Amino acid sequence: MAAGSVAMWIGVPLSLVYLVSRLVKTTQPTMGPYLIIVLGVPLGMAIIGKGLGVLDRYYGRRTGTTQERRHAAWLQSMRGERKDVRAGGWKVLDVVMVWSVLTAAVALGVWFFFLAGASI
């Protein structure tokens, strides 16, 4: 899951930029290459995200930590048959994605403030 997370945040954008740089032969490209990147990055990230979700559900089934689906409180009956079902805590994919987003945010901050030569 960690490798998939890195592929989603770094691999998809870099691979699309590399692909477009190989397709374009001029220094004055038209709108097409930009559209490939603008539309390809969210699409690629969504595909990898769906794959990570499938992997997380498979992991949950193998380890016996799957959670049953719950209805929102306002969709449930007002009678006394309600069970006290609490969330089972953090899943592996949750931890991996939070870790990767925080790491990316810290890396962006370090790059912007210390390495990019920004004159703030």
PDB file of N, CA and C in Angstrom:
ATOM      1  N   MET A   1       0.820  -1.186   0.000  1.00  0.00           N
ATOM      2  CA  MET A   1       0.000   0.000   0.000  1.00  0.00           C
ATOM      3  C   MET A   1       0.868   1.254   0.000  1.00  0.00           C
ATOM      4  N   ALA A   2       2.000   1.195   0.677  1.00  0.00           N
ATOM      5  CA  ALA A   2       2.896   2.347   0.681  1.00  0.00           C
ATOM      6  C   ALA A   2       3.465   2.594  -0.712  1.00  0.00           C
ATOM      7  N   ALA A   3       3.832   1.530  -1.411  1.00  0.00           N
ATOM      8  CA  ALA A   3       4.345   1.686  -2.776  1.00  0.00           C
ATOM      9  C   ALA A   3       3.260   2.241  -3.695  1.00  0.00           C
ATOM     10  N   GLY A   4       2.033   1.795  -3.529  1.00  0.00           N
ATOM     11  CA  GLY A   4       0.927   2.328  -4.323  1.00  0.00           C
ATOM     12  C   GLY A   4       0.670   3.789  -4.019  1.00  0.00           C
ATOM     13  N   SER A   5       0.828   4.171  -2.772  1.00  0.00           N
ATOM     14  CA  SER A   5       0.647   5.563  -2.397  1.00  0.00           C
ATOM     15  C   SER A   5       1.717   6.444  -3.024  1.00  0.00           C
ATOM     16  N   VAL A   6       2.962   5.980  -2.999  1.00  0.00           N
ATOM     17  CA  VAL A   6       4.049   6.738  -3.632  1.00  0.00           C
ATOM     18  C   VAL A   6       3.833   6.808  -5.138  1.00  0.00           C
ATOM     19  N   ALA A   7       3.377   5.706  -5.728  1.00  0.00           N
ATOM     20  CA  ALA A   7       3.088   5.708  -7.169  1.00  0.00           C
ATOM     21  C   ALA A   7       1.973   6.689  -7.496  1.00  0.00           C
ATOM     22  N   MET A   8       1.012   6.811  -6.606  1.00  0.00           N
ATOM     23  CA  MET A   8      -0.104   7.714  -6.865  1.00  0.00           C
ATOM     24  C   MET A   8       0.337   9.171  -6.792  1.00  0.00           C
ATOM     25  N   TRP A   9       1.128   9.542  -5.782  1.00  0.00           N
ATOM     26  CA  TRP A   9       1.485  10.943  -5.585  1.00  0.00           C
ATOM     27  C   TRP A   9       2.680  11.380  -6.420  1.00  0.00           C
ATOM     28  N   ILE A  10       3.607  10.472  -6.715  1.00  0.00           N
ATOM     29  CA  ILE A  10       4.809  10.855  -7.450  1.00  0.00           C
ATOM     30  C   ILE A  10       4.855  10.210  -8.835  1.00  0.00           C
ATOM     31  N   GLY A  11       4.541   8.936  -8.914  1.00  0.00           N
ATOM     32  CA  GLY A  11       4.679   8.200 -10.163  1.00  0.00           C
ATOM     33  C   GLY A  11       3.758   8.676 -11.268  1.00  0.00           C
ATOM     34  N   VAL A  12       2.512   8.928 -10.953  1.00  0.00           N
ATOM     35  CA  VAL A  12       1.550   9.346 -11.986  1.00  0.00           C
ATOM     36  C   VAL A  12       1.927  10.698 -12.583  1.00  0.00           C
ATOM     37  N   PRO A  13       2.147  11.739 -11.777  1.00  0.00           N
ATOM     38  CA  PRO A  13       2.500  13.025 -12.395  1.00  0.00           C
ATOM     39  C   PRO A  13       3.819  12.988 -13.165  1.00  0.00           C
ATOM     40  N   LEU A  14       4.844  12.369 -12.591  1.00  0.00           N
ATOM     41  CA  LEU A  14       6.135  12.336 -13.273  1.00  0.00           C
ATOM     42  C   LEU A  14       6.076  11.514 -14.557  1.00  0.00           C
ATOM     43  N   SER A  15       5.362  10.399 -14.530  1.00  0.00           N
ATOM     44  CA  SER A  15       5.277   9.584 -15.742  1.00  0.00           C
ATOM     45  C   SER A  15       4.495  10.298 -16.843  1.00  0.00           C
ATOM     46  N   LEU A  16       3.461  11.023 -16.479  1.00  0.00           N
ATOM     47  CA  LEU A  16       2.716  11.766 -17.502  1.00  0.00           C
ATOM     48  C   LEU A  16       3.539  12.920 -18.072  1.00  0.00           C
ATOM     49  N   VAL A  17       4.276  13.620 -17.236  1.00  0.00           N
ATOM     50  CA  VAL A  17       5.137  14.693 -17.740  1.00  0.00           C
ATOM     51  C   VAL A  17       6.211  14.109 -18.657  1.00  0.00           C
ATOM     52  N   TYR A  18       6.782  12.978 -18.278  1.00  0.00           N
ATOM     53  CA  TYR A  18       7.784  12.324 -19.121  1.00  0.00           C
ATOM     54  C   TYR A  18       7.171  11.871 -20.444  1.00  0.00           C
ATOM     55  N   LEU A  19       5.994  11.275 -20.392  1.00  0.00           N
ATOM     56  CA  LEU A  19       5.321  10.817 -21.605  1.00  0.00           C
ATOM     57  C   LEU A  19       5.037  11.984 -22.547  1.00  0.00           C
ATOM     58  N   VAL A  20       4.513  13.060 -22.006  1.00  0.00           N
ATOM     59  CA  VAL A  20       4.194  14.221 -22.837  1.00  0.00           C
ATOM     60  C   VAL A  20       5.474  14.852 -23.390  1.00  0.00           C
ATOM     61  N   SER A  21       6.541  14.865 -22.602  1.00  0.00           N
ATOM     62  CA  SER A  21       7.793  15.434 -23.107  1.00  0.00           C
ATOM     63  C   SER A  21       8.345  14.617 -24.264  1.00  0.00           C
ATOM     64  N   ARG A  22       8.075  13.319 -24.285  1.00  0.00           N
ATOM     65  CA  ARG A  22       8.517  12.472 -25.390  1.00  0.00           C
ATOM     66  C   ARG A  22       7.624  12.623 -26.616  1.00  0.00           C
ATOM     67  N   LEU A  23       6.360  12.972 -26.410  1.00  0.00           N
ATOM     68  CA  LEU A  23       5.436  13.125 -27.531  1.00  0.00           C
ATOM     69  C   LEU A  23       5.595  14.459 -28.246  1.00  0.00           C
ATOM     70  N   VAL A  24       5.988  15.498 -27.521  1.00  0.00           N
ATOM     71  CA  VAL A  24       6.073  16.841 -28.086  1.00  0.00           C
ATOM     72  C   VAL A  24       7.470  17.065 -28.643  1.00  0.00           C
ATOM     73  N   LYS A  25       7.536  17.539 -29.886  1.00  0.00           N
ATOM     74  CA  LYS A  25       8.821  17.760 -30.544  1.00  0.00           C
ATOM     75  C   LYS A  25       9.200  19.235 -30.631  1.00  0.00           C
ATOM     76  N   THR A  26       8.370  20.142 -30.160  1.00  0.00           N
ATOM     77  CA  THR A  26       8.622  21.567 -30.277  1.00  0.00           C
ATOM     78  C   THR A  26       8.671  22.221 -28.900  1.00  0.00           C
ATOM     79  N   THR A  27       9.244  23.406 -28.851  1.00  0.00           N
ATOM     80  CA  THR A  27       9.276  24.143 -27.588  1.00  0.00           C
ATOM     81  C   THR A  27       8.024  24.979 -27.393  1.00  0.00           C
ATOM     82  N   GLN A  28       7.163  25.030 -28.389  1.00  0.00           N
ATOM     83  CA  GLN A  28       5.898  25.772 -28.340  1.00  0.00           C
ATOM     84  C   GLN A  28       4.729  24.795 -28.520  1.00  0.00           C
ATOM     85  N   PRO A  29       4.449  23.930 -27.527  1.00  0.00           N
ATOM     86  CA  PRO A  29       3.394  22.927 -27.716  1.00  0.00           C
ATOM     87  C   PRO A  29       2.004  23.555 -27.750  1.00  0.00           C
ATOM     88  N   THR A  30       1.091  22.829 -28.357  1.00  0.00           N
ATOM     89  CA  THR A  30      -0.306  23.266 -28.397  1.00  0.00           C
ATOM     90  C   THR A  30      -0.978  22.873 -27.092  1.00  0.00           C
ATOM     91  N   MET A  31      -2.293  22.997 -27.062  1.00  0.00           N
ATOM     92  CA  MET A  31      -3.041  22.717 -25.830  1.00  0.00           C
ATOM     93  C   MET A  31      -3.137  21.218 -25.524  1.00  0.00           C
ATOM     94  N   GLY A  32      -2.960  20.360 -26.503  1.00  0.00           N
ATOM     95  CA  GLY A  32      -3.110  18.911 -26.328  1.00  0.00           C
ATOM     96  C   GLY A  32      -2.260  18.318 -25.218  1.00  0.00           C
ATOM     97  N   PRO A  33      -0.945  18.569 -25.211  1.00  0.00           N
ATOM     98  CA  PRO A  33      -0.120  17.995 -24.139  1.00  0.00           C
ATOM     99  C   PRO A  33      -0.530  18.457 -22.740  1.00  0.00           C
ATOM    100  N   TYR A  34      -0.946  19.700 -22.648  1.00  0.00           N
ATOM    101  CA  TYR A  34      -1.397  20.196 -21.338  1.00  0.00           C
ATOM    102  C   TYR A  34      -2.684  19.498 -20.904  1.00  0.00           C
ATOM    103  N   LEU A  35      -3.570  19.248 -21.845  1.00  0.00           N
ATOM    104  CA  LEU A  35      -4.805  18.528 -21.517  1.00  0.00           C
ATOM    105  C   LEU A  35      -4.520  17.094 -21.095  1.00  0.00           C
ATOM    106  N   ILE A  36      -3.530  16.471 -21.738  1.00  0.00           N
ATOM    107  CA  ILE A  36      -3.166  15.106 -21.345  1.00  0.00           C
ATOM    108  C   ILE A  36      -2.751  15.076 -19.878  1.00  0.00           C
ATOM    109  N   ILE A  37      -1.962  16.050 -19.468  1.00  0.00           N
ATOM    110  CA  ILE A  37      -1.502  16.092 -18.073  1.00  0.00           C
ATOM    111  C   ILE A  37      -2.646  16.463 -17.136  1.00  0.00           C
ATOM    112  N   VAL A  38      -3.408  17.501 -17.491  1.00  0.00           N
ATOM    113  CA  VAL A  38      -4.482  17.977 -16.605  1.00  0.00           C
ATOM    114  C   VAL A  38      -5.566  16.924 -16.417  1.00  0.00           C
ATOM    115  N   LEU A  39      -5.886  16.177 -17.458  1.00  0.00           N
ATOM    116  CA  LEU A  39      -6.906  15.135 -17.340  1.00  0.00           C
ATOM    117  C   LEU A  39      -6.317  13.803 -16.897  1.00  0.00           C
ATOM    118  N   GLY A  40      -5.068  13.551 -17.248  1.00  0.00           N
ATOM    119  CA  GLY A  40      -4.452  12.264 -16.932  1.00  0.00           C
ATOM    120  C   GLY A  40      -4.074  12.096 -15.486  1.00  0.00           C
ATOM    121  N   VAL A  41      -3.640  13.177 -14.837  1.00  0.00           N
ATOM    122  CA  VAL A  41      -3.220  13.063 -13.436  1.00  0.00           C
ATOM    123  C   VAL A  41      -4.388  12.663 -12.529  1.00  0.00           C
ATOM    124  N   PRO A  42      -5.538  13.365 -12.575  1.00  0.00           N
ATOM    125  CA  PRO A  42      -6.643  12.916 -11.715  1.00  0.00           C
ATOM    126  C   PRO A  42      -7.156  11.522 -12.078  1.00  0.00           C
ATOM    127  N   LEU A  43      -7.181  11.217 -13.378  1.00  0.00           N
ATOM    128  CA  LEU A  43      -7.645   9.888 -13.797  1.00  0.00           C
ATOM    129  C   LEU A  43      -6.702   8.804 -13.296  1.00  0.00           C
ATOM    130  N   GLY A  44      -5.404   9.004 -13.464  1.00  0.00           N
ATOM    131  CA  GLY A  44      -4.430   8.024 -12.980  1.00  0.00           C
ATOM    132  C   GLY A  44      -4.471   7.861 -11.475  1.00  0.00           C
ATOM    133  N   MET A  45      -4.628   8.982 -10.766  1.00  0.00           N
ATOM    134  CA  MET A  45      -4.715   8.904  -9.308  1.00  0.00           C
ATOM    135  C   MET A  45      -5.982   8.191  -8.862  1.00  0.00           C
ATOM    136  N   ALA A  46      -7.077   8.417  -9.578  1.00  0.00           N
ATOM    137  CA  ALA A  46      -8.329   7.734  -9.228  1.00  0.00           C
ATOM    138  C   ALA A  46      -8.205   6.236  -9.451  1.00  0.00           C
ATOM    139  N   ILE A  47      -7.557   5.841 -10.534  1.00  0.00           N
ATOM    140  CA  ILE A  47      -7.387   4.409 -10.819  1.00  0.00           C
ATOM    141  C   ILE A  47      -6.527   3.752  -9.748  1.00  0.00           C
ATOM    142  N   ILE A  48      -5.419   4.389  -9.399  1.00  0.00           N
ATOM    143  CA  ILE A  48      -4.558   3.820  -8.356  1.00  0.00           C
ATOM    144  C   ILE A  48      -5.280   3.838  -7.004  1.00  0.00           C
ATOM    145  N   GLY A  49      -6.039   4.893  -6.728  1.00  0.00           N
ATOM    146  CA  GLY A  49      -6.809   4.951  -5.477  1.00  0.00           C
ATOM    147  C   GLY A  49      -7.831   3.833  -5.371  1.00  0.00           C
ATOM    148  N   LYS A  50      -8.520   3.542  -6.479  1.00  0.00           N
ATOM    149  CA  LYS A  50      -9.468   2.414  -6.482  1.00  0.00           C
ATOM    150  C   LYS A  50      -8.734   1.103  -6.235  1.00  0.00           C
ATOM    151  N   GLY A  51      -7.569   0.954  -6.869  1.00  0.00           N
ATOM    152  CA  GLY A  51      -6.771  -0.252  -6.647  1.00  0.00           C
ATOM    153  C   GLY A  51      -6.323  -0.392  -5.204  1.00  0.00           C
ATOM    154  N   LEU A  52      -5.949   0.725  -4.587  1.00  0.00           N
ATOM    155  CA  LEU A  52      -5.568   0.679  -3.172  1.00  0.00           C
ATOM    156  C   LEU A  52      -6.758   0.314  -2.288  1.00  0.00           C
ATOM    157  N   GLY A  53      -7.941   0.785  -2.659  1.00  0.00           N
ATOM    158  CA  GLY A  53      -9.142   0.416  -1.906  1.00  0.00           C
ATOM    159  C   GLY A  53      -9.426  -1.078  -1.998  1.00  0.00           C
ATOM    160  N   VAL A  54      -9.265  -1.634  -3.197  1.00  0.00           N
ATOM    161  CA  VAL A  54      -9.454  -3.079  -3.382  1.00  0.00           C
ATOM    162  C   VAL A  54      -8.431  -3.846  -2.551  1.00  0.00           C
ATOM    163  N   LEU A  55      -7.183  -3.399  -2.569  1.00  0.00           N
ATOM    164  CA  LEU A  55      -6.132  -4.045  -1.785  1.00  0.00           C
ATOM    165  C   LEU A  55      -6.422  -3.959  -0.289  1.00  0.00           C
ATOM    166  N   ASP A  56      -6.941  -2.830   0.173  1.00  0.00           N
ATOM    167  CA  ASP A  56      -7.266  -2.671   1.585  1.00  0.00           C
ATOM    168  C   ASP A  56      -8.406  -3.597   1.995  1.00  0.00           C
ATOM    169  N   ARG A  57      -9.419  -3.718   1.148  1.00  0.00           N
ATOM    170  CA  ARG A  57     -10.526  -4.640   1.459  1.00  0.00           C
ATOM    171  C   ARG A  57     -10.042  -6.092   1.473  1.00  0.00           C
ATOM    172  N   TYR A  58      -9.155  -6.451   0.548  1.00  0.00           N
ATOM    173  CA  TYR A  58      -8.584  -7.801   0.530  1.00  0.00           C
ATOM    174  C   TYR A  58      -7.799  -8.057   1.818  1.00  0.00           C
ATOM    175  N   TYR A  59      -6.997  -7.082   2.224  1.00  0.00           N
ATOM    176  CA  TYR A  59      -6.232  -7.209   3.462  1.00  0.00           C
ATOM    177  C   TYR A  59      -7.170  -7.370   4.662  1.00  0.00           C
ATOM    178  N   GLY A  60      -8.247  -6.601   4.669  1.00  0.00           N
ATOM    179  CA  GLY A  60      -9.209  -6.708   5.766  1.00  0.00           C
ATOM    180  C   GLY A  60      -9.874  -8.076   5.827  1.00  0.00           C
ATOM    181  N   ARG A  61     -10.195  -8.636   4.662  1.00  0.00           N
ATOM    182  CA  ARG A  61     -10.792  -9.976   4.649  1.00  0.00           C
ATOM    183  C   ARG A  61      -9.796 -11.034   5.111  1.00  0.00           C
ATOM    184  N   ARG A  62      -8.537 -10.912   4.701  1.00  0.00           N
ATOM    185  CA  ARG A  62      -7.522 -11.905   5.071  1.00  0.00           C
ATOM    186  C   ARG A  62      -7.185 -11.855   6.562  1.00  0.00           C
ATOM    187  N   THR A  63      -7.232 -10.678   7.151  1.00  0.00           N
ATOM    188  CA  THR A  63      -6.873 -10.562   8.565  1.00  0.00           C
ATOM    189  C   THR A  63      -8.091 -10.589   9.483  1.00  0.00           C
ATOM    190  N   GLY A  64      -9.275 -10.596   8.908  1.00  0.00           N
ATOM    191  CA  GLY A  64     -10.482 -10.640   9.722  1.00  0.00           C
ATOM    192  C   GLY A  64     -10.834  -9.315  10.354  1.00  0.00           C
ATOM    193  N   THR A  65     -10.409  -8.225   9.777  1.00  0.00           N
ATOM    194  CA  THR A  65     -10.684  -6.909  10.343  1.00  0.00           C
ATOM    195  C   THR A  65     -11.677  -6.113   9.503  1.00  0.00           C
ATOM    196  N   THR A  66     -12.443  -6.793   8.667  1.00  0.00           N
ATOM    197  CA  THR A  66     -13.411  -6.063   7.852  1.00  0.00           C
ATOM    198  C   THR A  66     -14.524  -5.530   8.735  1.00  0.00           C
ATOM    199  N   GLN A  67     -15.031  -4.393   8.347  1.00  0.00           N
ATOM    200  CA  GLN A  67     -16.118  -3.786   9.104  1.00  0.00           C
ATOM    201  C   GLN A  67     -17.379  -3.889   8.268  1.00  0.00           C
ATOM    202  N   GLU A  68     -18.491  -4.180   8.941  1.00  0.00           N
ATOM    203  CA  GLU A  68     -19.746  -4.236   8.205  1.00  0.00           C
ATOM    204  C   GLU A  68     -20.212  -2.833   7.885  1.00  0.00           C
ATOM    205  N   ARG A  69     -20.932  -2.724   6.805  1.00  0.00           N
ATOM    206  CA  ARG A  69     -21.433  -1.418   6.403  1.00  0.00           C
ATOM    207  C   ARG A  69     -22.466  -0.935   7.406  1.00  0.00           C
ATOM    208  N   ARG A  70     -22.392   0.352   7.668  1.00  0.00           N
ATOM    209  CA  ARG A  70     -23.351   0.938   8.596  1.00  0.00           C
ATOM    210  C   ARG A  70     -24.130   2.021   7.872  1.00  0.00           C
ATOM    211  N   HIS A  71     -25.365   2.145   8.233  1.00  0.00           N
ATOM    212  CA  HIS A  71     -26.192   3.220   7.703  1.00  0.00           C
ATOM    213  C   HIS A  71     -25.979   4.463   8.554  1.00  0.00           C
ATOM    214  N   ALA A  72     -26.187   5.600   7.934  1.00  0.00           N
ATOM    215  CA  ALA A  72     -26.100   6.844   8.690  1.00  0.00           C
ATOM    216  C   ALA A  72     -27.165   6.834   9.786  1.00  0.00           C
ATOM    217  N   ALA A  73     -26.902   7.556  10.861  1.00  0.00           N
ATOM    218  CA  ALA A  73     -27.807   7.543  12.011  1.00  0.00           C
ATOM    219  C   ALA A  73     -29.204   8.018  11.634  1.00  0.00           C
ATOM    220  N   TRP A  74     -29.304   8.957  10.716  1.00  0.00           N
ATOM    221  CA  TRP A  74     -30.621   9.485  10.368  1.00  0.00           C
ATOM    222  C   TRP A  74     -31.412   8.532   9.480  1.00  0.00           C
ATOM    223  N   LEU A  75     -30.755   7.479   8.948  1.00  0.00           N
ATOM    224  CA  LEU A  75     -31.469   6.478   8.151  1.00  0.00           C
ATOM    225  C   LEU A  75     -31.938   5.302   8.995  1.00  0.00           C
ATOM    226  N   GLN A  76     -31.491   5.218  10.227  1.00  0.00           N
ATOM    227  CA  GLN A  76     -31.834   4.081  11.066  1.00  0.00           C
ATOM    228  C   GLN A  76     -33.138   4.336  11.804  1.00  0.00           C
ATOM    229  N   SER A  77     -33.680   3.265  12.297  1.00  0.00           N
ATOM    230  CA  SER A  77     -34.938   3.327  13.023  1.00  0.00           C
ATOM    231  C   SER A  77     -34.743   4.074  14.337  1.00  0.00           C
ATOM    232  N   MET A  78     -35.809   4.713  14.786  1.00  0.00           N
ATOM    233  CA  MET A  78     -35.761   5.439  16.060  1.00  0.00           C
ATOM    234  C   MET A  78     -36.115   4.527  17.237  1.00  0.00           C
ATOM    235  N   ARG A  79     -36.433   3.276  16.955  1.00  0.00           N
ATOM    236  CA  ARG A  79     -36.777   2.347  18.018  1.00  0.00           C
ATOM    237  C   ARG A  79     -35.548   1.923  18.802  1.00  0.00           C
ATOM    238  N   GLY A  80     -35.745   1.104  19.792  1.00  0.00           N
ATOM    239  CA  GLY A  80     -34.666   0.712  20.694  1.00  0.00           C
ATOM    240  C   GLY A  80     -33.780  -0.405  20.174  1.00  0.00           C
ATOM    241  N   GLU A  81     -33.939  -0.839  18.926  1.00  0.00           N
ATOM    242  CA  GLU A  81     -33.125  -1.954  18.457  1.00  0.00           C
ATOM    243  C   GLU A  81     -31.749  -1.526  17.951  1.00  0.00           C
ATOM    244  N   ARG A  82     -31.415  -0.304  18.135  1.00  0.00           N
ATOM    245  CA  ARG A  82     -30.127   0.191  17.669  1.00  0.00           C
ATOM    246  C   ARG A  82     -29.001  -0.457  18.454  1.00  0.00           C
ATOM    247  N   LYS A  83     -27.978  -0.852  17.751  1.00  0.00           N
ATOM    248  CA  LYS A  83     -26.802  -1.409  18.402  1.00  0.00           C
ATOM    249  C   LYS A  83     -25.773  -0.306  18.549  1.00  0.00           C
ATOM    250  N   ASP A  84     -24.950  -0.436  19.553  1.00  0.00           N
ATOM    251  CA  ASP A  84     -23.868   0.533  19.731  1.00  0.00           C
ATOM    252  C   ASP A  84     -22.668   0.049  18.933  1.00  0.00           C
ATOM    253  N   VAL A  85     -22.628   0.455  17.681  1.00  0.00           N
ATOM    254  CA  VAL A  85     -21.531   0.057  16.808  1.00  0.00           C
ATOM    255  C   VAL A  85     -20.614   1.256  16.648  1.00  0.00           C
ATOM    256  N   ARG A  86     -19.401   1.087  17.089  1.00  0.00           N
ATOM    257  CA  ARG A  86     -18.427   2.166  16.971  1.00  0.00           C
ATOM    258  C   ARG A  86     -17.418   1.804  15.899  1.00  0.00           C
ATOM    259  N   ALA A  87     -16.787   2.823  15.379  1.00  0.00           N
ATOM    260  CA  ALA A  87     -15.780   2.591  14.354  1.00  0.00           C
ATOM    261  C   ALA A  87     -14.653   1.745  14.942  1.00  0.00           C
ATOM    262  N   GLY A  88     -14.122   0.867  14.119  1.00  0.00           N
ATOM    263  CA  GLY A  88     -13.096  -0.062  14.560  1.00  0.00           C
ATOM    264  C   GLY A  88     -11.697   0.521  14.583  1.00  0.00           C
ATOM    265  N   GLY A  89     -11.550   1.807  14.462  1.00  0.00           N
ATOM    266  CA  GLY A  89     -10.227   2.403  14.479  1.00  0.00           C
ATOM    267  C   GLY A  89      -9.706   2.642  13.074  1.00  0.00           C
ATOM    268  N   TRP A  90      -8.446   2.896  12.991  1.00  0.00           N
ATOM    269  CA  TRP A  90      -7.813   3.219  11.718  1.00  0.00           C
ATOM    270  C   TRP A  90      -7.515   1.940  10.951  1.00  0.00           C
ATOM    271  N   LYS A  91      -7.778   1.978   9.662  1.00  0.00           N
ATOM    272  CA  LYS A  91      -7.404   0.871   8.800  1.00  0.00           C
ATOM    273  C   LYS A  91      -6.013   1.141   8.253  1.00  0.00           C
ATOM    274  N   VAL A  92      -5.395   0.130   7.679  1.00  0.00           N
ATOM    275  CA  VAL A  92      -4.030   0.267   7.174  1.00  0.00           C
ATOM    276  C   VAL A  92      -3.970   1.327   6.080  1.00  0.00           C
ATOM    277  N   LEU A  93      -4.929   1.323   5.176  1.00  0.00           N
ATOM    278  CA  LEU A  93      -4.920   2.301   4.091  1.00  0.00           C
ATOM    279  C   LEU A  93      -5.067   3.723   4.618  1.00  0.00           C
ATOM    280  N   ASP A  94      -5.859   3.897   5.670  1.00  0.00           N
ATOM    281  CA  ASP A  94      -6.000   5.223   6.269  1.00  0.00           C
ATOM    282  C   ASP A  94      -4.658   5.744   6.770  1.00  0.00           C
ATOM    283  N   VAL A  95      -3.935   4.900   7.468  1.00  0.00           N
ATOM    284  CA  VAL A  95      -2.642   5.300   8.024  1.00  0.00           C
ATOM    285  C   VAL A  95      -1.658   5.603   6.905  1.00  0.00           C
ATOM    286  N   VAL A  96      -1.623   4.743   5.889  1.00  0.00           N
ATOM    287  CA  VAL A  96      -0.685   4.941   4.779  1.00  0.00           C
ATOM    288  C   VAL A  96      -0.989   6.229   4.034  1.00  0.00           C
ATOM    289  N   MET A  97      -2.255   6.519   3.778  1.00  0.00           N
ATOM    290  CA  MET A  97      -2.599   7.723   3.024  1.00  0.00           C
ATOM    291  C   MET A  97      -2.349   8.986   3.847  1.00  0.00           C
ATOM    292  N   VAL A  98      -2.668   8.980   5.120  1.00  0.00           N
ATOM    293  CA  VAL A  98      -2.386  10.149   5.958  1.00  0.00           C
ATOM    294  C   VAL A  98      -0.882  10.384   6.025  1.00  0.00           C
ATOM    295  N   TRP A  99      -0.113   9.320   6.202  1.00  0.00           N
ATOM    296  CA  TRP A  99       1.339   9.436   6.238  1.00  0.00           C
ATOM    297  C   TRP A  99       1.878  10.010   4.930  1.00  0.00           C
ATOM    298  N   SER A 100       1.377   9.526   3.799  1.00  0.00           N
ATOM    299  CA  SER A 100       1.904   9.990   2.518  1.00  0.00           C
ATOM    300  C   SER A 100       1.527  11.442   2.244  1.00  0.00           C
ATOM    301  N   VAL A 101       0.328  11.856   2.610  1.00  0.00           N
ATOM    302  CA  VAL A 101      -0.073  13.246   2.399  1.00  0.00           C
ATOM    303  C   VAL A 101       0.737  14.175   3.306  1.00  0.00           C
ATOM    304  N   LEU A 102       0.922  13.806   4.555  1.00  0.00           N
ATOM    305  CA  LEU A 102       1.731  14.636   5.451  1.00  0.00           C
ATOM    306  C   LEU A 102       3.182  14.719   4.985  1.00  0.00           C
ATOM    307  N   THR A 103       3.736  13.608   4.518  1.00  0.00           N
ATOM    308  CA  THR A 103       5.100  13.610   4.000  1.00  0.00           C
ATOM    309  C   THR A 103       5.214  14.506   2.776  1.00  0.00           C
ATOM    310  N   ALA A 104       4.226  14.428   1.878  1.00  0.00           N
ATOM    311  CA  ALA A 104       4.238  15.279   0.690  1.00  0.00           C
ATOM    312  C   ALA A 104       4.120  16.751   1.071  1.00  0.00           C
ATOM    313  N   ALA A 105       3.293  17.075   2.054  1.00  0.00           N
ATOM    314  CA  ALA A 105       3.142  18.466   2.481  1.00  0.00           C
ATOM    315  C   ALA A 105       4.429  18.993   3.103  1.00  0.00           C
ATOM    316  N   VAL A 106       5.097  18.190   3.917  1.00  0.00           N
ATOM    317  CA  VAL A 106       6.362  18.613   4.525  1.00  0.00           C
ATOM    318  C   VAL A 106       7.431  18.778   3.446  1.00  0.00           C
ATOM    319  N   ALA A 107       7.491  17.842   2.497  1.00  0.00           N
ATOM    320  CA  ALA A 107       8.469  17.949   1.415  1.00  0.00           C
ATOM    321  C   ALA A 107       8.223  19.200   0.575  1.00  0.00           C
ATOM    322  N   LEU A 108       6.968  19.513   0.296  1.00  0.00           N
ATOM    323  CA  LEU A 108       6.648  20.724  -0.446  1.00  0.00           C
ATOM    324  C   LEU A 108       7.074  21.968   0.329  1.00  0.00           C
ATOM    325  N   GLY A 109       6.813  22.000   1.625  1.00  0.00           N
ATOM    326  CA  GLY A 109       7.218  23.133   2.441  1.00  0.00           C
ATOM    327  C   GLY A 109       8.728  23.307   2.485  1.00  0.00           C
ATOM    328  N   VAL A 110       9.463  22.203   2.655  1.00  0.00           N
ATOM    329  CA  VAL A 110      10.928  22.283   2.673  1.00  0.00           C
ATOM    330  C   VAL A 110      11.430  22.772   1.327  1.00  0.00           C
ATOM    331  N   TRP A 111      10.912  22.223   0.252  1.00  0.00           N
ATOM    332  CA  TRP A 111      11.346  22.652  -1.079  1.00  0.00           C
ATOM    333  C   TRP A 111      11.040  24.126  -1.301  1.00  0.00           C
ATOM    334  N   PHE A 112       9.827  24.553  -0.975  1.00  0.00           N
ATOM    335  CA  PHE A 112       9.414  25.924  -1.258  1.00  0.00           C
ATOM    336  C   PHE A 112      10.214  26.940  -0.452  1.00  0.00           C
ATOM    337  N   PHE A 113      10.380  26.682   0.833  1.00  0.00           N
ATOM    338  CA  PHE A 113      11.012  27.673   1.685  1.00  0.00           C
ATOM    339  C   PHE A 113      12.533  27.620   1.684  1.00  0.00           C
ATOM    340  N   PHE A 114      13.126  26.458   1.421  1.00  0.00           N
ATOM    341  CA  PHE A 114      14.578  26.345   1.533  1.00  0.00           C
ATOM    342  C   PHE A 114      15.303  26.061   0.219  1.00  0.00           C
ATOM    343  N   LEU A 115      14.674  25.361  -0.700  1.00  0.00           N
ATOM    344  CA  LEU A 115      15.387  24.930  -1.901  1.00  0.00           C
ATOM    345  C   LEU A 115      14.993  25.662  -3.178  1.00  0.00           C
ATOM    346  N   ALA A 116      13.831  26.237  -3.239  1.00  0.00           N
ATOM    347  CA  ALA A 116      13.348  26.832  -4.475  1.00  0.00           C
ATOM    348  C   ALA A 116      13.888  28.236  -4.704  1.00  0.00           C
ATOM    349  N   GLY A 117      14.481  28.826  -3.725  1.00  0.00           N
ATOM    350  CA  GLY A 117      15.013  30.160  -3.874  1.00  0.00           C
ATOM    351  C   GLY A 117      13.909  31.214  -3.953  1.00  0.00           C
ATOM    352  N   ALA A 118      12.789  30.977  -3.289  1.00  0.00           N
ATOM    353  CA  ALA A 118      11.692  31.926  -3.296  1.00  0.00           C
ATOM    354  C   ALA A 118      12.090  33.167  -2.514  1.00  0.00           C
ATOM    355  N   SER A 119      11.762  34.314  -3.053  1.00  0.00           N
ATOM    356  CA  SER A 119      12.100  35.560  -2.365  1.00  0.00           C
ATOM    357  C   SER A 119      10.860  36.094  -1.670  1.00  0.00           C
ATOM    358  N   ILE A 120      10.600  35.567  -0.497  1.00  0.00           N
ATOM    359  CA  ILE A 120       9.422  35.988   0.256  1.00  0.00           C
ATOM    360  C   ILE A 120       9.804  37.110   1.186  1.00  0.00           C
TER     361      ILE A 120
END
